[in-house]
Amino acid sequence: MFSKGQIIFGVLFFIVFVIVIAMTYKKDLQLHKRFYSGSIWILIAFIAFILLIVAIKFFLKV
């Protein structure tokens, strides 16, 4: 299905991609902590809203 060269390229690309993403995340970590410090509450509110919609659908099933 894949040639040996394509498999080698895919593996090397994946390794380099993961390394670059990790370096970029580490570089921007302080910036994320400063600007996105309260974002966990937005996530919690969103999940609670979805659960509320599911609960309403469950209890009002006709």
PDB file of N, CA and C in Angstrom:
ATOM      1  N   MET A   1       0.822  -1.184   0.000  1.00  0.00           N
ATOM      2  CA  MET A   1       0.000   0.000   0.000  1.00  0.00           C
ATOM      3  C   MET A   1       0.876   1.262   0.000  1.00  0.00           C
ATOM      4  N   PHE A   2       1.787   1.366   0.963  1.00  0.00           N
ATOM      5  CA  PHE A   2       2.725   2.487   0.999  1.00  0.00           C
ATOM      6  C   PHE A   2       4.115   1.975   0.692  1.00  0.00           C
ATOM      7  N   SER A   3       4.886   2.799   0.023  1.00  0.00           N
ATOM      8  CA  SER A   3       6.265   2.398  -0.230  1.00  0.00           C
ATOM      9  C   SER A   3       7.096   2.653   1.028  1.00  0.00           C
ATOM     10  N   LYS A   4       8.287   2.078   1.033  1.00  0.00           N
ATOM     11  CA  LYS A   4       9.172   2.225   2.193  1.00  0.00           C
ATOM     12  C   LYS A   4       9.538   3.698   2.405  1.00  0.00           C
ATOM     13  N   GLY A   5       9.764   4.429   1.321  1.00  0.00           N
ATOM     14  CA  GLY A   5      10.100   5.844   1.422  1.00  0.00           C
ATOM     15  C   GLY A   5       8.958   6.671   1.999  1.00  0.00           C
ATOM     16  N   GLN A   6       7.708   6.337   1.637  1.00  0.00           N
ATOM     17  CA  GLN A   6       6.564   7.069   2.171  1.00  0.00           C
ATOM     18  C   GLN A   6       6.400   6.814   3.669  1.00  0.00           C
ATOM     19  N   ILE A   7       6.630   5.596   4.097  1.00  0.00           N
ATOM     20  CA  ILE A   7       6.527   5.273   5.524  1.00  0.00           C
ATOM     21  C   ILE A   7       7.597   6.005   6.309  1.00  0.00           C
ATOM     22  N   ILE A   8       8.821   6.030   5.813  1.00  0.00           N
ATOM     23  CA  ILE A   8       9.909   6.749   6.487  1.00  0.00           C
ATOM     24  C   ILE A   8       9.591   8.236   6.559  1.00  0.00           C
ATOM     25  N   PHE A   9       9.110   8.808   5.462  1.00  0.00           N
ATOM     26  CA  PHE A   9       8.740  10.218   5.452  1.00  0.00           C
ATOM     27  C   PHE A   9       7.638  10.491   6.470  1.00  0.00           C
ATOM     28  N   GLY A  10       6.627   9.647   6.520  1.00  0.00           N
ATOM     29  CA  GLY A  10       5.525   9.836   7.453  1.00  0.00           C
ATOM     30  C   GLY A  10       5.978   9.797   8.898  1.00  0.00           C
ATOM     31  N   VAL A  11       6.828   8.840   9.221  1.00  0.00           N
ATOM     32  CA  VAL A  11       7.332   8.727  10.599  1.00  0.00           C
ATOM     33  C   VAL A  11       8.190   9.932  10.960  1.00  0.00           C
ATOM     34  N   LEU A  12       9.099  10.330  10.077  1.00  0.00           N
ATOM     35  CA  LEU A  12       9.951  11.486  10.351  1.00  0.00           C
ATOM     36  C   LEU A  12       9.127  12.774  10.447  1.00  0.00           C
ATOM     37  N   PHE A  13       8.142  12.920   9.572  1.00  0.00           N
ATOM     38  CA  PHE A  13       7.283  14.098   9.625  1.00  0.00           C
ATOM     39  C   PHE A  13       6.543  14.160  10.955  1.00  0.00           C
ATOM     40  N   PHE A  14       5.997  13.036  11.412  1.00  0.00           N
ATOM     41  CA  PHE A  14       5.276  12.989  12.683  1.00  0.00           C
ATOM     42  C   PHE A  14       6.187  13.366  13.853  1.00  0.00           C
ATOM     43  N   ILE A  15       7.392  12.830  13.874  1.00  0.00           N
ATOM     44  CA  ILE A  15       8.331  13.120  14.960  1.00  0.00           C
ATOM     45  C   ILE A  15       8.687  14.601  14.984  1.00  0.00           C
ATOM     46  N   VAL A  16       9.028  15.170  13.833  1.00  0.00           N
ATOM     47  CA  VAL A  16       9.381  16.585  13.767  1.00  0.00           C
ATOM     48  C   VAL A  16       8.179  17.455  14.119  1.00  0.00           C
ATOM     49  N   PHE A  17       6.995  17.078  13.657  1.00  0.00           N
ATOM     50  CA  PHE A  17       5.779  17.840  13.957  1.00  0.00           C
ATOM     51  C   PHE A  17       5.524  17.877  15.461  1.00  0.00           C
ATOM     52  N   VAL A  18       5.633  16.752  16.136  1.00  0.00           N
ATOM     53  CA  VAL A  18       5.414  16.700  17.586  1.00  0.00           C
ATOM     54  C   VAL A  18       6.453  17.543  18.321  1.00  0.00           C
ATOM     55  N   ILE A  19       7.695  17.492  17.893  1.00  0.00           N
ATOM     56  CA  ILE A  19       8.748  18.295  18.534  1.00  0.00           C
ATOM     57  C   ILE A  19       8.474  19.782  18.365  1.00  0.00           C
ATOM     58  N   VAL A  20       8.102  20.211  17.164  1.00  0.00           N
ATOM     59  CA  VAL A  20       7.824  21.630  16.912  1.00  0.00           C
ATOM     60  C   VAL A  20       6.621  22.096  17.718  1.00  0.00           C
ATOM     61  N   ILE A  21       5.571  21.302  17.779  1.00  0.00           N
ATOM     62  CA  ILE A  21       4.385  21.666  18.558  1.00  0.00           C
ATOM     63  C   ILE A  21       4.742  21.778  20.040  1.00  0.00           C
ATOM     64  N   ALA A  22       5.532  20.851  20.565  1.00  0.00           N
ATOM     65  CA  ALA A  22       5.931  20.894  21.977  1.00  0.00           C
ATOM     66  C   ALA A  22       6.776  22.131  22.267  1.00  0.00           C
ATOM     67  N   MET A  23       7.702  22.470  21.373  1.00  0.00           N
ATOM     68  CA  MET A  23       8.532  23.662  21.585  1.00  0.00           C
ATOM     69  C   MET A  23       7.685  24.929  21.545  1.00  0.00           C
ATOM     70  N   THR A  24       6.732  24.994  20.623  1.00  0.00           N
ATOM     71  CA  THR A  24       5.871  26.171  20.514  1.00  0.00           C
ATOM     72  C   THR A  24       4.993  26.318  21.742  1.00  0.00           C
ATOM     73  N   TYR A  25       4.449  25.218  22.235  1.00  0.00           N
ATOM     74  CA  TYR A  25       3.615  25.256  23.434  1.00  0.00           C
ATOM     75  C   TYR A  25       4.432  25.715  24.637  1.00  0.00           C
ATOM     76  N   LYS A  26       5.640  25.196  24.769  1.00  0.00           N
ATOM     77  CA  LYS A  26       6.497  25.582  25.897  1.00  0.00           C
ATOM     78  C   LYS A  26       6.845  27.068  25.823  1.00  0.00           C
ATOM     79  N   LYS A  27       7.077  27.567  24.614  1.00  0.00           N
ATOM     80  CA  LYS A  27       7.418  28.975  24.428  1.00  0.00           C
ATOM     81  C   LYS A  27       6.244  29.884  24.792  1.00  0.00           C
ATOM     82  N   ASP A  28       5.029  29.482  24.463  1.00  0.00           N
ATOM     83  CA  ASP A  28       3.853  30.308  24.689  1.00  0.00           C
ATOM     84  C   ASP A  28       3.152  30.047  26.018  1.00  0.00           C
ATOM     85  N   LEU A  29       3.697  29.202  26.870  1.00  0.00           N
ATOM     86  CA  LEU A  29       3.024  28.819  28.099  1.00  0.00           C
ATOM     87  C   LEU A  29       2.761  30.010  29.013  1.00  0.00           C
ATOM     88  N   GLN A  30       3.717  30.901  29.183  1.00  0.00           N
ATOM     89  CA  GLN A  30       3.518  32.072  30.039  1.00  0.00           C
ATOM     90  C   GLN A  30       2.432  32.982  29.475  1.00  0.00           C
ATOM     91  N   LEU A  31       2.407  33.120  28.165  1.00  0.00           N
ATOM     92  CA  LEU A  31       1.393  33.942  27.516  1.00  0.00           C
ATOM     93  C   LEU A  31       0.000  33.359  27.733  1.00  0.00           C
ATOM     94  N   HIS A  32      -0.126  32.054  27.634  1.00  0.00           N
ATOM     95  CA  HIS A  32      -1.411  31.405  27.851  1.00  0.00           C
ATOM     96  C   HIS A  32      -1.868  31.560  29.293  1.00  0.00           C
ATOM     97  N   LYS A  33      -0.953  31.445  30.236  1.00  0.00           N
ATOM     98  CA  LYS A  33      -1.316  31.589  31.648  1.00  0.00           C
ATOM     99  C   LYS A  33      -1.829  32.992  31.942  1.00  0.00           C
ATOM    100  N   ARG A  34      -1.281  33.996  31.269  1.00  0.00           N
ATOM    101  CA  ARG A  34      -1.685  35.377  31.523  1.00  0.00           C
ATOM    102  C   ARG A  34      -3.037  35.697  30.890  1.00  0.00           C
ATOM    103  N   PHE A  35      -3.257  35.299  29.652  1.00  0.00           N
ATOM    104  CA  PHE A  35      -4.461  35.705  28.935  1.00  0.00           C
ATOM    105  C   PHE A  35      -5.629  34.742  29.073  1.00  0.00           C
ATOM    106  N   TYR A  36      -5.374  33.482  29.382  1.00  0.00           N
ATOM    107  CA  TYR A  36      -6.442  32.485  29.440  1.00  0.00           C
ATOM    108  C   TYR A  36      -6.577  31.884  30.833  1.00  0.00           C
ATOM    109  N   SER A  37      -6.328  32.661  31.868  1.00  0.00           N
ATOM    110  CA  SER A  37      -6.331  32.117  33.218  1.00  0.00           C
ATOM    111  C   SER A  37      -7.717  31.681  33.673  1.00  0.00           C
ATOM    112  N   GLY A  38      -8.788  32.367  33.261  1.00  0.00           N
ATOM    113  CA  GLY A  38     -10.121  32.006  33.714  1.00  0.00           C
ATOM    114  C   GLY A  38     -10.919  31.181  32.725  1.00  0.00           C
ATOM    115  N   SER A  39     -10.274  30.648  31.722  1.00  0.00           N
ATOM    116  CA  SER A  39     -11.013  29.946  30.674  1.00  0.00           C
ATOM    117  C   SER A  39     -11.598  28.616  31.142  1.00  0.00           C
ATOM    118  N   ILE A  40     -11.093  28.061  32.233  1.00  0.00           N
ATOM    119  CA  ILE A  40     -11.650  26.800  32.737  1.00  0.00           C
ATOM    120  C   ILE A  40     -13.107  26.985  33.146  1.00  0.00           C
ATOM    121  N   TRP A  41     -13.452  28.177  33.636  1.00  0.00           N
ATOM    122  CA  TRP A  41     -14.846  28.426  34.044  1.00  0.00           C
ATOM    123  C   TRP A  41     -15.779  28.476  32.840  1.00  0.00           C
ATOM    124  N   ILE A  42     -15.286  28.954  31.722  1.00  0.00           N
ATOM    125  CA  ILE A  42     -16.081  28.954  30.497  1.00  0.00           C
ATOM    126  C   ILE A  42     -16.348  27.519  30.064  1.00  0.00           C
ATOM    127  N   LEU A  43     -15.337  26.669  30.132  1.00  0.00           N
ATOM    128  CA  LEU A  43     -15.498  25.262  29.784  1.00  0.00           C
ATOM    129  C   LEU A  43     -16.503  24.578  30.705  1.00  0.00           C
ATOM    130  N   ILE A  44     -16.397  24.838  32.004  1.00  0.00           N
ATOM    131  CA  ILE A  44     -17.328  24.244  32.966  1.00  0.00           C
ATOM    132  C   ILE A  44     -18.756  24.714  32.693  1.00  0.00           C
ATOM    133  N   ALA A  45     -18.936  26.009  32.406  1.00  0.00           N
ATOM    134  CA  ALA A  45     -20.268  26.537  32.106  1.00  0.00           C
ATOM    135  C   ALA A  45     -20.829  25.910  30.835  1.00  0.00           C
ATOM    136  N   PHE A  46     -20.015  25.737  29.826  1.00  0.00           N
ATOM    137  CA  PHE A  46     -20.458  25.130  28.570  1.00  0.00           C
ATOM    138  C   PHE A  46     -20.898  23.680  28.793  1.00  0.00           C
ATOM    139  N   ILE A  47     -20.111  22.920  29.532  1.00  0.00           N
ATOM    140  CA  ILE A  47     -20.466  21.529  29.816  1.00  0.00           C
ATOM    141  C   ILE A  47     -21.742  21.459  30.639  1.00  0.00           C
ATOM    142  N   ALA A  48     -21.885  22.360  31.628  1.00  0.00           N
ATOM    143  CA  ALA A  48     -23.105  22.391  32.439  1.00  0.00           C
ATOM    144  C   ALA A  48     -24.321  22.721  31.587  1.00  0.00           C
ATOM    145  N   PHE A  49     -24.169  23.634  30.638  1.00  0.00           N
ATOM    146  CA  PHE A  49     -25.267  23.990  29.747  1.00  0.00           C
ATOM    147  C   PHE A  49     -25.692  22.800  28.898  1.00  0.00           C
ATOM    148  N   ILE A  50     -24.736  22.080  28.354  1.00  0.00           N
ATOM    149  CA  ILE A  50     -25.047  20.892  27.547  1.00  0.00           C
ATOM    150  C   ILE A  50     -25.739  19.837  28.404  1.00  0.00           C
ATOM    151  N   LEU A  51     -25.253  19.639  29.633  1.00  0.00           N
ATOM    152  CA  LEU A  51     -25.890  18.673  30.527  1.00  0.00           C
ATOM    153  C   LEU A  51     -27.307  19.102  30.886  1.00  0.00           C
ATOM    154  N   LEU A  52     -27.536  20.403  31.052  1.00  0.00           N
ATOM    155  CA  LEU A  52     -28.870  20.911  31.327  1.00  0.00           C
ATOM    156  C   LEU A  52     -29.812  20.626  30.157  1.00  0.00           C
ATOM    157  N   ILE A  53     -29.344  20.834  28.952  1.00  0.00           N
ATOM    158  CA  ILE A  53     -30.165  20.547  27.773  1.00  0.00           C
ATOM    159  C   ILE A  53     -30.496  19.056  27.699  1.00  0.00           C
ATOM    160  N   VAL A  54     -29.535  18.198  27.974  1.00  0.00           N
ATOM    161  CA  VAL A  54     -29.771  16.750  27.953  1.00  0.00           C
ATOM    162  C   VAL A  54     -30.762  16.363  29.049  1.00  0.00           C
ATOM    163  N   ALA A  55     -30.638  16.962  30.235  1.00  0.00           N
ATOM    164  CA  ALA A  55     -31.552  16.654  31.338  1.00  0.00           C
ATOM    165  C   ALA A  55     -32.967  17.093  31.005  1.00  0.00           C
ATOM    166  N   ILE A  56     -33.118  18.274  30.426  1.00  0.00           N
ATOM    167  CA  ILE A  56     -34.450  18.750  30.045  1.00  0.00           C
ATOM    168  C   ILE A  56     -35.057  17.811  29.014  1.00  0.00           C
ATOM    169  N   LYS A  57     -34.270  17.398  28.037  1.00  0.00           N
ATOM    170  CA  LYS A  57     -34.774  16.477  27.009  1.00  0.00           C
ATOM    171  C   LYS A  57     -35.171  15.149  27.637  1.00  0.00           C
ATOM    172  N   PHE A  58     -34.399  14.665  28.580  1.00  0.00           N
ATOM    173  CA  PHE A  58     -34.679  13.389  29.231  1.00  0.00           C
ATOM    174  C   PHE A  58     -35.962  13.450  30.057  1.00  0.00           C
ATOM    175  N   PHE A  59     -36.131  14.524  30.832  1.00  0.00           N
ATOM    176  CA  PHE A  59     -37.291  14.621  31.720  1.00  0.00           C
ATOM    177  C   PHE A  59     -38.582  15.009  30.997  1.00  0.00           C
ATOM    178  N   LEU A  60     -38.478  15.666  29.870  1.00  0.00           N
ATOM    179  CA  LEU A  60     -39.670  16.082  29.133  1.00  0.00           C
ATOM    180  C   LEU A  60     -39.995  15.166  27.960  1.00  0.00           C
ATOM    181  N   LYS A  61     -39.396  13.974  27.986  1.00  0.00           N
ATOM    182  CA  LYS A  61     -39.654  13.020  26.905  1.00  0.00           C
ATOM    183  C   LYS A  61     -41.132  12.652  26.906  1.00  0.00           C
ATOM    184  N   VAL A  62     -41.748  12.764  25.749  1.00  0.00           N
ATOM    185  CA  VAL A  62     -43.193  12.498  25.661  1.00  0.00           C
ATOM    186  C   VAL A  62     -43.434  11.143  25.061  1.00  0.00           C
TER     187      VAL A  62
END
